[in-house]
C-alpha atoms as a PDB file:
ATOM      1  CA  UNK A   1      -0.047   0.218   0.415  1.00  0.00           C
ATOM      2  CA  UNK A   2       1.182   3.894  -0.680  1.00  0.00           C
ATOM      3  CA  UNK A   3       1.378   6.057   1.706  1.00  0.00           C
ATOM      4  CA  UNK A   4      -1.498   7.772   0.237  1.00  0.00           C
ATOM      5  CA  UNK A   5      -3.582   5.472   0.315  1.00  0.00           C
ATOM      6  CA  UNK A   6      -2.347   4.450   4.346  1.00  0.00           C
ATOM      7  CA  UNK A   7      -3.723   7.808   5.250  1.00  0.00           C
ATOM      8  CA  UNK A   8      -7.104   7.553   3.474  1.00  0.00           C
ATOM      9  CA  UNK A   9      -7.556   4.835   4.959  1.00  0.00           C
ATOM     10  CA  UNK A  10      -6.726   6.249   8.968  1.00  0.00           C
ATOM     11  CA  UNK A  11      -8.821   9.631   7.579  1.00  0.00           C
ATOM     12  CA  UNK A  12     -11.299   7.187   6.959  1.00  0.00           C
ATOM     13  CA  UNK A  13     -10.895   4.907   9.910  1.00  0.00           C
ATOM     14  CA  UNK A  14     -10.795   8.013  12.485  1.00  0.00           C
ATOM     15  CA  UNK A  15     -14.354   9.206  10.767  1.00  0.00           C
ATOM     16  CA  UNK A  16     -15.642   6.332  10.589  1.00  0.00           C
ATOM     17  CA  UNK A  17     -15.978   5.740  14.007  1.00  0.00           C
ATOM     18  CA  UNK A  18     -18.144   8.191  15.725  1.00  0.00           C
ATOM     19  CA  UNK A  19     -20.446   7.151  12.765  1.00  0.00           C
ATOM     20  CA  UNK A  20     -20.330   3.958  13.191  1.00  0.00           C
ATOM     21  CA  UNK A  21     -20.907   4.321  17.414  1.00  0.00           C
ATOM     22  CA  UNK A  22     -24.564   6.059  16.477  1.00  0.00           C
ATOM     23  CA  UNK A  23     -25.508   2.382  15.987  1.00  0.00           C
ATOM     24  CA  UNK A  24     -24.278   0.270  18.128  1.00  0.00           C
ATOM     25  CA  UNK A  25     -27.500  -0.197  20.265  1.00  0.00           C
ATOM     26  CA  UNK A  26     -25.845  -2.617  23.054  1.00  0.00           C
ATOM     27  CA  UNK A  27     -23.477  -3.912  21.197  1.00  0.00           C
ATOM     28  CA  UNK A  28     -19.957  -2.809  21.129  1.00  0.00           C
ATOM     29  CA  UNK A  29     -18.413  -2.248  16.501  1.00  0.00           C
ATOM     30  CA  UNK A  30     -14.367  -1.745  16.600  1.00  0.00           C
ATOM     31  CA  UNK A  31     -12.633  -1.717  13.478  1.00  0.00           C
ATOM     32  CA  UNK A  32      -9.616  -3.259  13.200  1.00  0.00           C
ATOM     33  CA  UNK A  33      -8.823  -2.151   9.603  1.00  0.00           C
ATOM     34  CA  UNK A  34      -9.063  -0.330   6.510  1.00  0.00           C
ATOM     35  CA  UNK A  35      -8.277  -1.575   2.773  1.00  0.00           C
ATOM     36  CA  UNK A  36      -8.273   0.733   0.292  1.00  0.00           C
ATOM     37  CA  UNK A  37      -7.477   0.299  -2.847  1.00  0.00           C
ATOM     38  CA  UNK A  38      -4.983   2.038  -4.702  1.00  0.00           C
ATOM     39  CA  UNK A  39      -6.903   3.634  -7.360  1.00  0.00           C
ATOM     40  CA  UNK A  40      -8.856   4.965  -4.026  1.00  0.00           C
ATOM     41  CA  UNK A  41     -12.015   4.278  -5.147  1.00  0.00           C
ATOM     42  CA  UNK A  42     -12.669   1.609  -2.373  1.00  0.00           C
ATOM     43  CA  UNK A  43     -12.291   0.787   0.545  1.00  0.00           C
ATOM     44  CA  UNK A  44     -12.300  -1.637   3.117  1.00  0.00           C
ATOM     45  CA  UNK A  45     -13.464  -1.664   6.162  1.00  0.00           C
ATOM     46  CA  UNK A  46     -13.024  -4.753   8.762  1.00  0.00           C
ATOM     47  CA  UNK A  47     -15.221  -4.716  11.284  1.00  0.00           C
ATOM     48  CA  UNK A  48     -15.272  -6.475  15.179  1.00  0.00           C
ATOM     49  CA  UNK A  49     -18.481  -6.691  16.928  1.00  0.00           C
ATOM     50  CA  UNK A  50     -18.905  -7.727  20.313  1.00  0.00           C
ATOM     51  CA  UNK A  51     -22.040  -8.456  21.497  1.00  0.00           C
ATOM     52  CA  UNK A  52     -23.409  -9.666  24.538  1.00  0.00           C
ATOM     53  CA  UNK A  53     -25.959 -11.946  23.675  1.00  0.00           C
ATOM     54  CA  UNK A  54     -23.705 -14.159  21.448  1.00  0.00           C
ATOM     55  CA  UNK A  55     -25.263 -12.866  17.528  1.00  0.00           C
ATOM     56  CA  UNK A  56     -23.423 -10.034  15.608  1.00  0.00           C
ATOM     57  CA  UNK A  57     -25.768 -10.308  12.451  1.00  0.00           C
ATOM     58  CA  UNK A  58     -27.930  -7.990  12.935  1.00  0.00           C
ATOM     59  CA  UNK A  59     -25.735  -5.199  14.155  1.00  0.00           C
ATOM     60  CA  UNK A  60     -23.451  -6.340  10.963  1.00  0.00           C
ATOM     61  CA  UNK A  61     -27.142  -6.520   8.944  1.00  0.00           C
ATOM     62  CA  UNK A  62     -27.673  -2.803  10.133  1.00  0.00           C
ATOM     63  CA  UNK A  63     -24.660  -1.755   9.132  1.00  0.00           C
ATOM     64  CA  UNK A  64     -25.196  -2.365   5.662  1.00  0.00           C
ATOM     65  CA  UNK A  65     -28.577  -1.740   5.500  1.00  0.00           C
ATOM     66  CA  UNK A  66     -27.119   2.191   6.062  1.00  0.00           C
ATOM     67  CA  UNK A  67     -24.509   1.634   3.877  1.00  0.00           C
ATOM     68  CA  UNK A  68     -25.407   4.208   1.309  1.00  0.00           C
ATOM     69  CA  UNK A  69     -26.312   6.500   4.954  1.00  0.00           C
ATOM     70  CA  UNK A  70     -22.626   6.207   6.575  1.00  0.00           C
ATOM     71  CA  UNK A  71     -20.642   6.874   3.250  1.00  0.00           C
ATOM     72  CA  UNK A  72     -22.872  10.171   2.610  1.00  0.00           C
ATOM     73  CA  UNK A  73     -22.112  11.206   6.394  1.00  0.00           C
ATOM     74  CA  UNK A  74     -18.308   9.949   5.963  1.00  0.00           C
ATOM     75  CA  UNK A  75     -18.292  12.523   2.961  1.00  0.00           C
ATOM     76  CA  UNK A  76     -19.317  15.489   4.361  1.00  0.00           C
ATOM     77  CA  UNK A  77     -16.516  14.579   7.081  1.00  0.00           C
ATOM     78  CA  UNK A  78     -13.487  14.376   4.258  1.00  0.00           C
ATOM     79  CA  UNK A  79     -14.926  16.365   1.261  1.00  0.00           C
ATOM     80  CA  UNK A  80     -11.808  18.636   1.183  1.00  0.00           C
ATOM     81  CA  UNK A  81      -9.227  15.942   1.210  1.00  0.00           C
ATOM     82  CA  UNK A  82     -10.932  13.602  -1.058  1.00  0.00           C
ATOM     83  CA  UNK A  83     -11.997  14.443  -4.963  1.00  0.00           C
ATOM     84  CA  UNK A  84     -14.306  10.793  -4.803  1.00  0.00           C
ATOM     85  CA  UNK A  85     -15.750   9.463  -1.785  1.00  0.00           C
ATOM     86  CA  UNK A  86     -14.642   6.129  -1.973  1.00  0.00           C
ATOM     87  CA  UNK A  87     -17.582   3.564  -1.803  1.00  0.00           C
ATOM     88  CA  UNK A  88     -17.169   1.487   1.260  1.00  0.00           C
ATOM     89  CA  UNK A  89     -18.031  -2.288   1.733  1.00  0.00           C
ATOM     90  CA  UNK A  90     -17.571  -3.971   5.593  1.00  0.00           C
ATOM     91  CA  UNK A  91     -16.028  -6.854   6.976  1.00  0.00           C
ATOM     92  CA  UNK A  92     -16.644  -8.798   9.449  1.00  0.00           C
ATOM     93  CA  UNK A  93     -13.327  -9.817  11.075  1.00  0.00           C
ATOM     94  CA  UNK A  94     -13.026 -13.086  12.519  1.00  0.00           C
ATOM     95  CA  UNK A  95      -9.393 -13.258  14.332  1.00  0.00           C
ATOM     96  CA  UNK A  96     -10.830 -12.667  18.090  1.00  0.00           C
ATOM     97  CA  UNK A  97     -13.109 -15.912  17.402  1.00  0.00           C
ATOM     98  CA  UNK A  98     -10.689 -17.397  15.367  1.00  0.00           C
ATOM     99  CA  UNK A  99      -7.764 -17.245  17.631  1.00  0.00           C
ATOM    100  CA  UNK A 100      -9.617 -17.691  20.780  1.00  0.00           C
ATOM    101  CA  UNK A 101     -10.262 -21.063  19.101  1.00  0.00           C
ATOM    102  CA  UNK A 102      -6.805 -21.786  18.413  1.00  0.00           C
ATOM    103  CA  UNK A 103      -6.313 -21.138  22.145  1.00  0.00           C
ATOM    104  CA  UNK A 104      -9.137 -23.768  23.398  1.00  0.00           C
ATOM    105  CA  UNK A 105      -7.525 -26.587  20.796  1.00  0.00           C
ATOM    106  CA  UNK A 106      -4.258 -25.650  22.317  1.00  0.00           C
ATOM    107  CA  UNK A 107      -5.646 -26.426  26.341  1.00  0.00           C
ATOM    108  CA  UNK A 108      -7.079 -29.115  24.834  1.00  0.00           C
ATOM    109  CA  UNK A 109      -3.792 -31.236  23.698  1.00  0.00           C
ATOM    110  CA  UNK A 110      -1.654 -29.666  26.659  1.00  0.00           C
ATOM    111  CA  UNK A 111      -4.982 -31.299  29.469  1.00  0.00           C
ATOM    112  CA  UNK A 112      -4.966 -34.198  26.528  1.00  0.00           C
ATOM    113  CA  UNK A 113      -1.002 -34.741  27.050  1.00  0.00           C
ATOM    114  CA  UNK A 114       0.046 -37.138  29.746  1.00  0.00           C
ATOM    115  CA  UNK A 115       3.785 -35.918  29.923  1.00  0.00           C
END
């Protein structure tokens, strides 16, 4: 990634956080990463969602539904820094779940190990 794409990604992450904060409704939404394509037309936003009830799908679906509104709010914040506001694609970042599964496997292996 070039310096320009990294700067734009950091700016999007900074300005998108308060917008997504309003959509939390009892969940915790964290932006884990933003990757902007070299042509600056697309921003892939990776989200980690923690829901006390365990089901993150409704929150993620609500974010997907409001994508146009979110992009419009973001455009108002970064309009002087870019010519064109990138298309935003949201992805669920399941890295934390993956790490937890691996840790559980290690615990199980360690528990079953006779030495």
